[in-house]
């Protein structure tokens, strides 16, 4: 088995994220200040929704809502960072 320790965390709006490459995307571009702000805003709104949904209780429906919110954030961020 290959020992692949998790890299140190890098804030998503930091230019340092360009050195934190994944297995699929081997290069990241530096984002503009507006793109960084948009990405942070999308993630903040997504987290606010997730927190609200989780506060409703525990059910399959809440789990699906959280998963879909995570997916929506992922696609919005992917759009911003493409």
Protein backbone atom coordinates (compact mmCIF):
# COMPACT_ATOMS: atom_id res chain seq x y z
CA UNK A 1 0.00 0.00 0.00
CA UNK A 2 1.24 3.48 -0.85
CA UNK A 3 1.56 5.85 2.08
CA UNK A 4 -0.18 9.02 0.91
CA UNK A 5 -0.49 11.39 3.88
CA UNK A 6 -3.04 14.14 3.63
CA UNK A 7 -1.46 17.46 2.57
CA UNK A 8 -1.56 20.43 4.92
CA UNK A 9 -4.79 22.35 4.56
CA UNK A 10 -4.89 25.41 2.36
CA UNK A 11 -7.76 27.93 2.51
CA UNK A 12 -9.83 27.66 -0.66
CA UNK A 13 -9.51 31.38 -1.37
CA UNK A 14 -5.71 31.34 -0.96
CA UNK A 15 -3.35 31.54 -3.91
CA UNK A 16 -1.43 28.75 -2.17
CA UNK A 17 -4.15 26.34 -3.34
CA UNK A 18 -2.34 26.23 -6.67
CA UNK A 19 0.34 24.04 -5.07
CA UNK A 20 -2.20 21.70 -3.45
CA UNK A 21 -2.90 19.57 -6.52
CA UNK A 22 -5.24 16.61 -6.52
CA UNK A 23 -4.88 13.36 -8.42
CA UNK A 24 -7.22 14.57 -11.17
CA UNK A 25 -6.55 18.27 -11.55
CA UNK A 26 -2.81 18.67 -11.79
CA UNK A 27 -2.74 22.44 -12.05
CA UNK A 28 -4.84 25.22 -10.63
CA UNK A 29 -4.98 28.76 -11.85
CA UNK A 30 -4.73 31.75 -9.54
CA UNK A 31 -8.18 33.23 -8.98
CA UNK A 32 -9.04 36.91 -9.18
CA UNK A 33 -10.18 38.66 -6.01
CA UNK A 34 -13.77 38.66 -7.34
CA UNK A 35 -13.60 34.90 -8.01
CA UNK A 36 -12.21 34.26 -4.53
CA UNK A 37 -15.01 36.32 -2.98
CA UNK A 38 -17.64 34.49 -5.05
CA UNK A 39 -16.26 31.11 -4.02
CA UNK A 40 -16.27 32.04 -0.33
CA UNK A 41 -19.83 33.40 -0.64
CA UNK A 42 -21.08 30.20 -2.32
CA UNK A 43 -19.46 28.06 0.37
CA UNK A 44 -20.81 30.26 3.17
CA UNK A 45 -24.37 30.11 1.82
CA UNK A 46 -24.07 26.36 1.30
CA UNK A 47 -22.86 25.85 4.86
CA UNK A 48 -25.66 28.03 6.21
CA UNK A 49 -28.23 25.88 4.39
CA UNK A 50 -26.58 22.65 5.58
CA UNK A 51 -26.57 23.88 9.18
CA UNK A 52 -30.25 24.85 8.90
CA UNK A 53 -31.20 21.50 7.36
CA UNK A 54 -29.30 19.53 10.01
CA UNK A 55 -31.07 21.56 12.69
CA UNK A 56 -34.41 20.20 11.47
CA UNK A 57 -33.62 16.75 12.77
CA UNK A 58 -32.35 13.50 11.35
CA UNK A 59 -34.02 11.74 8.43
CA UNK A 60 -33.35 10.36 4.99
CA UNK A 61 -34.81 13.54 3.52
CA UNK A 62 -32.44 15.76 5.52
CA UNK A 63 -29.51 13.58 4.49
CA UNK A 64 -30.51 13.93 0.83
CA UNK A 65 -30.94 17.70 1.21
CA UNK A 66 -27.45 18.00 2.74
CA UNK A 67 -25.93 15.86 -0.02
CA UNK A 68 -27.62 17.92 -2.72
CA UNK A 69 -26.47 21.16 -1.07
CA UNK A 70 -22.90 19.84 -1.00
CA UNK A 71 -23.24 18.92 -4.67
CA UNK A 72 -24.62 22.34 -5.57
CA UNK A 73 -21.70 24.04 -3.83
CA UNK A 74 -19.26 21.75 -5.62
CA UNK A 75 -20.68 22.57 -9.06
CA UNK A 76 -20.82 26.30 -8.37
CA UNK A 77 -17.20 26.30 -7.17
CA UNK A 78 -16.19 24.20 -10.17
CA UNK A 79 -17.76 26.86 -12.41
CA UNK A 80 -15.87 29.63 -10.65
CA UNK A 81 -12.52 27.83 -10.69
CA UNK A 82 -12.65 26.34 -14.21
